[in-house]
Amino acid sequence: VIKELKGSYSTIPIITDDNYAVMKVRKIGVELGATLSCFSTFKLLGPEGIGCIVGDKKAIELLRKENYSGGLQVQGHEAIDVLRGMTYAPVALANQAMVIDELVDRLATNREVSHISDAYVANAQSKVLLVEFDLPIAEKILEYTNDLGAAPNPVGAESKYEIVPMFYRVSGTFMQYDPNLVKTTIRINPYRSGPDTIIRILKNAVNEVVG
């Protein structure tokens, strides 16, 4: 897309929003020819309110001039927090992916939890696990998972505050494709939790709903 745009509109700068893409894809927008790439460092385990812009030197210098005010400058401790977050974020994301892959094997192949018919990976904003039940109990399951140790909503998507796993309904896109999915399928993002924690919550929730 970037190549086509540059070929047709060579004088127009191209800016990409790379939130949720940084450290998850091989190349972000600027590495594929965009003028600038922009993303939130909060989503890379960094501090609140600090964005990052990388790219063309002339464009960056212009932005620096426009942001001359002291109130707009990133403070030293904030910059250190950004670097620290960027150092750990790829490790956290790799651990998260390993947990999801293990859960697919344990739930879909080994059938460790009753009434789960399938489990598979989906790459949305985050890499998540989709769990499909053999009964229309998904909504009931989510009524119990919060009390069993899961979060129902993000604290700050992909932020340093995401610790416990998140159990939540499928996205609007999935429901448009098949409205029945809301009754049979849930999403799970393990965040910092391990596979045993996810299995425990699922087993206990299924026992509460089905018995």
C-alpha atoms as a PDB file:
ATOM      1  CA  VAL A   1       0.000   0.000   0.000  1.00  0.00           C
ATOM      2  CA  ILE A   2       2.774   2.421   0.956  1.00  0.00           C
ATOM      3  CA  LYS A   3       4.655   1.654  -2.252  1.00  0.00           C
ATOM      4  CA  GLU A   4       1.556   2.347  -4.365  1.00  0.00           C
ATOM      5  CA  LEU A   5       0.822   5.608  -2.528  1.00  0.00           C
ATOM      6  CA  LYS A   6       4.399   6.817  -2.911  1.00  0.00           C
ATOM      7  CA  GLY A   7       4.332   5.946  -6.589  1.00  0.00           C
ATOM      8  CA  SER A   8       1.145   7.936  -7.202  1.00  0.00           C
ATOM      9  CA  TYR A   9       1.610  10.772  -4.679  1.00  0.00           C
ATOM     10  CA  SER A  10       5.350  11.155  -4.241  1.00  0.00           C
ATOM     11  CA  THR A  11       5.176  14.579  -2.558  1.00  0.00           C
ATOM     12  CA  ILE A  12       2.606  13.657   0.086  1.00  0.00           C
ATOM     13  CA  PRO A  13       4.025  12.442   3.414  1.00  0.00           C
ATOM     14  CA  ILE A  14       2.773   9.069   4.624  1.00  0.00           C
ATOM     15  CA  ILE A  15       2.183   8.605   8.353  1.00  0.00           C
ATOM     16  CA  THR A  16       1.317   5.207   9.793  1.00  0.00           C
ATOM     17  CA  ASP A  17      -0.349   4.401  13.104  1.00  0.00           C
ATOM     18  CA  ASP A  18       1.682   1.465  14.393  1.00  0.00           C
ATOM     19  CA  ASN A  19      -0.049   0.965  17.733  1.00  0.00           C
ATOM     20  CA  TYR A  20      -0.228  -2.754  18.549  1.00  0.00           C
ATOM     21  CA  ALA A  21       2.150  -3.480  15.648  1.00  0.00           C
ATOM     22  CA  VAL A  22       5.513  -2.474  17.087  1.00  0.00           C
ATOM     23  CA  MET A  23       7.504  -5.524  18.208  1.00  0.00           C
ATOM     24  CA  LYS A  24       4.826  -7.836  16.803  1.00  0.00           C
ATOM     25  CA  VAL A  25       5.534  -7.481  13.082  1.00  0.00           C
ATOM     26  CA  ARG A  26       8.767  -7.743  11.109  1.00  0.00           C
ATOM     27  CA  LYS A  27       8.630  -4.146   9.879  1.00  0.00           C
ATOM     28  CA  ILE A  28       6.594  -1.100  10.872  1.00  0.00           C
ATOM     29  CA  GLY A  29       5.425   1.623   8.485  1.00  0.00           C
ATOM     30  CA  VAL A  30       8.597   3.688   8.344  1.00  0.00           C
ATOM     31  CA  GLU A  31      10.662   0.564   7.605  1.00  0.00           C
ATOM     32  CA  LEU A  32       8.371  -0.073   4.645  1.00  0.00           C
ATOM     33  CA  GLY A  33       8.783   3.422   3.224  1.00  0.00           C
ATOM     34  CA  ALA A  34       6.404   5.623   5.219  1.00  0.00           C
ATOM     35  CA  THR A  35       7.544   9.105   6.207  1.00  0.00           C
ATOM     36  CA  LEU A  36       6.740   8.671   9.891  1.00  0.00           C
ATOM     37  CA  SER A  37       5.552   5.899  12.199  1.00  0.00           C
ATOM     38  CA  CYS A  38       3.653   6.797  15.355  1.00  0.00           C
ATOM     39  CA  PHE A  39       2.804   4.641  18.353  1.00  0.00           C
ATOM     40  CA  SER A  40       2.075   4.803  22.060  1.00  0.00           C
ATOM     41  CA  THR A  41       4.838   3.647  24.382  1.00  0.00           C
ATOM     42  CA  PHE A  42       2.138   2.960  26.989  1.00  0.00           C
ATOM     43  CA  LYS A  43       1.260  -0.127  24.944  1.00  0.00           C
ATOM     44  CA  LEU A  44       4.883  -1.261  25.211  1.00  0.00           C
ATOM     45  CA  LEU A  45       4.931  -1.328  29.023  1.00  0.00           C
ATOM     46  CA  GLY A  46       5.980   2.320  29.129  1.00  0.00           C
ATOM     47  CA  PRO A  47       4.627   5.394  30.951  1.00  0.00           C
ATOM     48  CA  GLU A  48       1.256   7.004  30.392  1.00  0.00           C
ATOM     49  CA  GLY A  49       0.891   9.762  27.828  1.00  0.00           C
ATOM     50  CA  ILE A  50       4.201   9.311  26.023  1.00  0.00           C
ATOM     51  CA  GLY A  51       4.049   8.736  22.290  1.00  0.00           C
ATOM     52  CA  CYS A  52       6.902   7.861  19.969  1.00  0.00           C
ATOM     53  CA  ILE A  53       7.445   9.123  16.423  1.00  0.00           C
ATOM     54  CA  VAL A  54      10.227   7.708  14.253  1.00  0.00           C
ATOM     55  CA  GLY A  55      11.122   8.367  10.653  1.00  0.00           C
ATOM     56  CA  ASP A  56      12.349  10.983   8.199  1.00  0.00           C
ATOM     57  CA  LYS A  57      14.994  13.269   9.712  1.00  0.00           C
ATOM     58  CA  LYS A  58      13.566  16.491   8.259  1.00  0.00           C
ATOM     59  CA  ALA A  59      10.071  15.697   9.516  1.00  0.00           C
ATOM     60  CA  ILE A  60      11.415  14.825  12.983  1.00  0.00           C
ATOM     61  CA  GLU A  61      13.411  18.075  13.129  1.00  0.00           C
ATOM     62  CA  LEU A  62      10.263  20.033  12.235  1.00  0.00           C
ATOM     63  CA  LEU A  63       8.354  18.287  15.017  1.00  0.00           C
ATOM     64  CA  ARG A  64      11.138  19.114  17.475  1.00  0.00           C
ATOM     65  CA  LYS A  65      10.878  22.799  16.570  1.00  0.00           C
ATOM     66  CA  GLU A  66       7.107  22.775  17.007  1.00  0.00           C
ATOM     67  CA  ASN A  67       7.457  21.121  20.417  1.00  0.00           C
ATOM     68  CA  TYR A  68       9.872  23.667  21.858  1.00  0.00           C
ATOM     69  CA  SER A  69       7.758  24.343  24.968  1.00  0.00           C
ATOM     70  CA  GLY A  70       9.085  22.819  28.184  1.00  0.00           C
ATOM     71  CA  GLY A  71       5.616  21.528  29.001  1.00  0.00           C
ATOM     72  CA  LEU A  72       5.669  19.395  25.865  1.00  0.00           C
ATOM     73  CA  GLN A  73       9.072  17.858  26.497  1.00  0.00           C
ATOM     74  CA  VAL A  74       9.482  14.287  27.697  1.00  0.00           C
ATOM     75  CA  GLN A  75      11.224  14.313  31.064  1.00  0.00           C
ATOM     76  CA  GLY A  76      14.293  12.240  31.800  1.00  0.00           C
ATOM     77  CA  HIS A  77      12.599   9.728  34.084  1.00  0.00           C
ATOM     78  CA  GLU A  78       9.843   9.274  31.487  1.00  0.00           C
ATOM     79  CA  ALA A  79      12.405   8.573  28.767  1.00  0.00           C
ATOM     80  CA  ILE A  80      14.070   5.981  31.008  1.00  0.00           C
ATOM     81  CA  ASP A  81      10.675   4.344  31.609  1.00  0.00           C
ATOM     82  CA  VAL A  82      10.115   4.194  27.835  1.00  0.00           C
ATOM     83  CA  LEU A  83      13.474   2.485  27.281  1.00  0.00           C
ATOM     84  CA  ARG A  84      12.865   0.067  30.133  1.00  0.00           C
ATOM     85  CA  GLY A  85       9.437  -0.815  28.732  1.00  0.00           C
ATOM     86  CA  MET A  86      10.806  -1.357  25.237  1.00  0.00           C
ATOM     87  CA  THR A  87      13.467  -3.661  26.662  1.00  0.00           C
ATOM     88  CA  TYR A  88      10.983  -5.918  28.423  1.00  0.00           C
ATOM     89  CA  ALA A  89       7.996  -5.676  26.030  1.00  0.00           C
ATOM     90  CA  PRO A  90       9.295  -8.191  23.444  1.00  0.00           C
ATOM     91  CA  VAL A  91      10.045 -10.681  26.238  1.00  0.00           C
ATOM     92  CA  ALA A  92       6.556 -10.252  27.705  1.00  0.00           C
ATOM     93  CA  LEU A  93       4.957 -10.623  24.279  1.00  0.00           C
ATOM     94  CA  ALA A  94       6.991 -13.764  23.571  1.00  0.00           C
ATOM     95  CA  ASN A  95       5.959 -15.289  26.909  1.00  0.00           C
ATOM     96  CA  GLN A  96       2.342 -14.386  26.193  1.00  0.00           C
ATOM     97  CA  ALA A  97       2.517 -16.104  22.796  1.00  0.00           C
ATOM     98  CA  MET A  98       4.071 -19.240  24.321  1.00  0.00           C
ATOM     99  CA  VAL A  99       1.295 -19.449  26.915  1.00  0.00           C
ATOM    100  CA  ILE A 100      -1.361 -19.167  24.203  1.00  0.00           C
ATOM    101  CA  ASP A 101       0.289 -21.875  22.088  1.00  0.00           C
ATOM    102  CA  GLU A 102       0.444 -24.210  25.100  1.00  0.00           C
ATOM    103  CA  LEU A 103      -3.215 -23.528  25.885  1.00  0.00           C
ATOM    104  CA  VAL A 104      -4.247 -24.427  22.337  1.00  0.00           C
ATOM    105  CA  ASP A 105      -2.490 -27.760  22.755  1.00  0.00           C
ATOM    106  CA  ARG A 106      -3.935 -28.462  26.205  1.00  0.00           C
ATOM    107  CA  LEU A 107      -7.488 -27.376  25.414  1.00  0.00           C
ATOM    108  CA  ALA A 108      -7.948 -28.417  21.781  1.00  0.00           C
ATOM    109  CA  THR A 109      -5.702 -31.484  21.644  1.00  0.00           C
ATOM    110  CA  ASN A 110      -5.561 -32.849  25.193  1.00  0.00           C
ATOM    111  CA  ARG A 111      -9.104 -31.758  26.122  1.00  0.00           C
ATOM    112  CA  GLU A 112      -8.167 -30.826  29.680  1.00  0.00           C
ATOM    113  CA  VAL A 113     -11.411 -28.905  30.256  1.00  0.00           C
ATOM    114  CA  SER A 114     -14.822 -30.437  29.627  1.00  0.00           C
ATOM    115  CA  HIS A 115     -17.326 -28.838  27.234  1.00  0.00           C
ATOM    116  CA  ILE A 116     -14.597 -27.070  25.243  1.00  0.00           C
ATOM    117  CA  SER A 117     -14.855 -28.160  21.625  1.00  0.00           C
ATOM    118  CA  ASP A 118     -12.005 -26.095  20.192  1.00  0.00           C
ATOM    119  CA  ALA A 119      -9.352 -23.505  20.995  1.00  0.00           C
ATOM    120  CA  TYR A 120      -7.374 -21.492  18.476  1.00  0.00           C
ATOM    121  CA  VAL A 121      -5.272 -18.372  18.071  1.00  0.00           C
ATOM    122  CA  ALA A 122      -6.527 -15.068  16.704  1.00  0.00           C
ATOM    123  CA  ASN A 123      -4.335 -12.085  15.896  1.00  0.00           C
ATOM    124  CA  ALA A 124      -6.383  -8.972  16.550  1.00  0.00           C
ATOM    125  CA  GLN A 125      -4.870  -5.957  18.321  1.00  0.00           C
ATOM    126  CA  SER A 126      -3.233  -8.564  20.516  1.00  0.00           C
ATOM    127  CA  LYS A 127      -2.563 -12.244  20.041  1.00  0.00           C
ATOM    128  CA  VAL A 128      -5.445 -13.902  21.880  1.00  0.00           C
ATOM    129  CA  LEU A 129      -6.971 -17.313  22.480  1.00  0.00           C
ATOM    130  CA  LEU A 130     -10.473 -18.105  21.251  1.00  0.00           C
ATOM    131  CA  VAL A 131     -12.207 -20.829  23.237  1.00  0.00           C
ATOM    132  CA  GLU A 132     -15.273 -22.504  21.746  1.00  0.00           C
ATOM    133  CA  PHE A 133     -17.744 -24.435  23.910  1.00  0.00           C
ATOM    134  CA  ASP A 134     -19.947 -27.339  22.820  1.00  0.00           C
ATOM    135  CA  LEU A 135     -22.922 -25.711  24.566  1.00  0.00           C
ATOM    136  CA  PRO A 136     -24.240 -22.112  24.327  1.00  0.00           C
ATOM    137  CA  ILE A 137     -22.711 -21.207  27.697  1.00  0.00           C
ATOM    138  CA  ALA A 138     -20.156 -18.516  26.795  1.00  0.00           C
ATOM    139  CA  GLU A 139     -22.111 -15.639  28.336  1.00  0.00           C
ATOM    140  CA  LYS A 140     -22.713 -17.623  31.528  1.00  0.00           C
ATOM    141  CA  ILE A 141     -19.028 -18.550  31.734  1.00  0.00           C
ATOM    142  CA  LEU A 142     -18.082 -14.862  31.668  1.00  0.00           C
ATOM    143  CA  GLU A 143     -20.402 -14.201  34.612  1.00  0.00           C
ATOM    144  CA  TYR A 144     -18.106 -16.343  36.785  1.00  0.00           C
ATOM    145  CA  THR A 145     -14.596 -15.735  35.448  1.00  0.00           C
ATOM    146  CA  ASN A 146     -14.259 -12.321  37.094  1.00  0.00           C
ATOM    147  CA  ASP A 147     -14.877 -13.795  40.564  1.00  0.00           C
ATOM    148  CA  LEU A 148     -12.449 -16.600  39.762  1.00  0.00           C
ATOM    149  CA  GLY A 149      -9.513 -14.267  39.115  1.00  0.00           C
ATOM    150  CA  ALA A 150      -9.860 -12.917  35.575  1.00  0.00           C
ATOM    151  CA  ALA A 151     -10.378  -9.339  34.458  1.00  0.00           C
ATOM    152  CA  PRO A 152     -13.482  -8.560  32.360  1.00  0.00           C
ATOM    153  CA  ASN A 153     -12.018  -5.426  30.740  1.00  0.00           C
ATOM    154  CA  PRO A 154      -8.550  -4.086  29.961  1.00  0.00           C
ATOM    155  CA  VAL A 155      -6.872  -1.818  32.488  1.00  0.00           C
ATOM    156  CA  GLY A 156      -4.880  -0.290  29.643  1.00  0.00           C
ATOM    157  CA  ALA A 157      -4.522  -2.476  26.596  1.00  0.00           C
ATOM    158  CA  GLU A 158      -1.057  -4.096  26.520  1.00  0.00           C
ATOM    159  CA  SER A 159       0.124  -1.785  29.306  1.00  0.00           C
ATOM    160  CA  LYS A 160       2.303  -2.474  32.343  1.00  0.00           C
ATOM    161  CA  TYR A 161      -0.875  -2.620  34.430  1.00  0.00           C
ATOM    162  CA  GLU A 162      -2.174  -5.727  32.670  1.00  0.00           C
ATOM    163  CA  ILE A 163      -1.311  -8.567  35.031  1.00  0.00           C
ATOM    164  CA  VAL A 164      -4.233 -10.957  35.508  1.00  0.00           C
ATOM    165  CA  PRO A 165      -5.704 -12.720  32.450  1.00  0.00           C
ATOM    166  CA  MET A 166      -8.633 -11.142  30.658  1.00  0.00           C
ATOM    167  CA  PHE A 167     -11.694 -13.218  29.737  1.00  0.00           C
ATOM    168  CA  TYR A 168     -14.148 -11.386  27.490  1.00  0.00           C
ATOM    169  CA  ARG A 169     -16.640 -11.815  24.671  1.00  0.00           C
ATOM    170  CA  VAL A 170     -15.716 -12.030  20.998  1.00  0.00           C
ATOM    171  CA  SER A 171     -15.345  -8.829  19.002  1.00  0.00           C
ATOM    172  CA  GLY A 172     -18.063  -7.053  17.059  1.00  0.00           C
ATOM    173  CA  THR A 173     -16.420  -8.186  13.822  1.00  0.00           C
ATOM    174  CA  PHE A 174     -16.788 -11.827  14.846  1.00  0.00           C
ATOM    175  CA  MET A 175     -20.401 -11.276  15.883  1.00  0.00           C
ATOM    176  CA  GLN A 176     -21.202  -9.657  12.538  1.00  0.00           C
ATOM    177  CA  TYR A 177     -19.799 -12.743  10.833  1.00  0.00           C
ATOM    178  CA  ASP A 178     -21.753 -15.112  13.103  1.00  0.00           C
ATOM    179  CA  PRO A 179     -24.040 -13.699  15.848  1.00  0.00           C
ATOM    180  CA  ASN A 180     -24.147 -17.114  17.535  1.00  0.00           C
ATOM    181  CA  LEU A 181     -20.467 -16.858  18.457  1.00  0.00           C
ATOM    182  CA  VAL A 182     -21.356 -14.659  21.429  1.00  0.00           C
ATOM    183  CA  LYS A 183     -23.146 -17.695  22.900  1.00  0.00           C
ATOM    184  CA  THR A 184     -20.457 -20.284  22.185  1.00  0.00           C
ATOM    185  CA  THR A 185     -17.076 -18.531  22.127  1.00  0.00           C
ATOM    186  CA  ILE A 186     -14.982 -16.334  24.418  1.00  0.00           C
ATOM    187  CA  ARG A 187     -11.659 -14.535  24.064  1.00  0.00           C
ATOM    188  CA  ILE A 188      -8.794 -14.908  26.500  1.00  0.00           C
ATOM    189  CA  ASN A 189      -5.670 -12.775  26.748  1.00  0.00           C
ATOM    190  CA  PRO A 190      -3.317 -14.324  29.312  1.00  0.00           C
ATOM    191  CA  TYR A 191      -1.181 -11.199  29.810  1.00  0.00           C
ATOM    192  CA  ARG A 192       1.247 -12.149  32.638  1.00  0.00           C
ATOM    193  CA  SER A 193      -0.531 -15.305  33.767  1.00  0.00           C
ATOM    194  CA  GLY A 194       0.527 -18.851  32.983  1.00  0.00           C
ATOM    195  CA  PRO A 195      -1.454 -21.654  31.336  1.00  0.00           C
ATOM    196  CA  ASP A 196      -2.297 -23.363  34.645  1.00  0.00           C
ATOM    197  CA  THR A 197      -4.104 -20.247  35.861  1.00  0.00           C
ATOM    198  CA  ILE A 198      -6.183 -20.082  32.679  1.00  0.00           C
ATOM    199  CA  ILE A 199      -7.036 -23.789  32.914  1.00  0.00           C
ATOM    200  CA  ARG A 200      -8.058 -23.423  36.561  1.00  0.00           C
ATOM    201  CA  ILE A 201     -10.384 -20.501  35.834  1.00  0.00           C
ATOM    202  CA  LEU A 202     -11.954 -22.314  32.879  1.00  0.00           C
ATOM    203  CA  LYS A 203     -12.492 -25.543  34.834  1.00  0.00           C
ATOM    204  CA  ASN A 204     -14.066 -23.759  37.784  1.00  0.00           C
ATOM    205  CA  ALA A 205     -16.281 -21.601  35.558  1.00  0.00           C
ATOM    206  CA  VAL A 206     -17.507 -24.628  33.592  1.00  0.00           C
ATOM    207  CA  ASN A 207     -18.254 -26.440  36.857  1.00  0.00           C
ATOM    208  CA  GLU A 208     -20.275 -23.462  38.078  1.00  0.00           C
ATOM    209  CA  VAL A 209     -22.302 -23.278  34.866  1.00  0.00           C
ATOM    210  CA  VAL A 210     -22.715 -26.926  33.905  1.00  0.00           C
ATOM    211  CA  GLY A 211     -21.943 -28.730  37.150  1.00  0.00           C
END
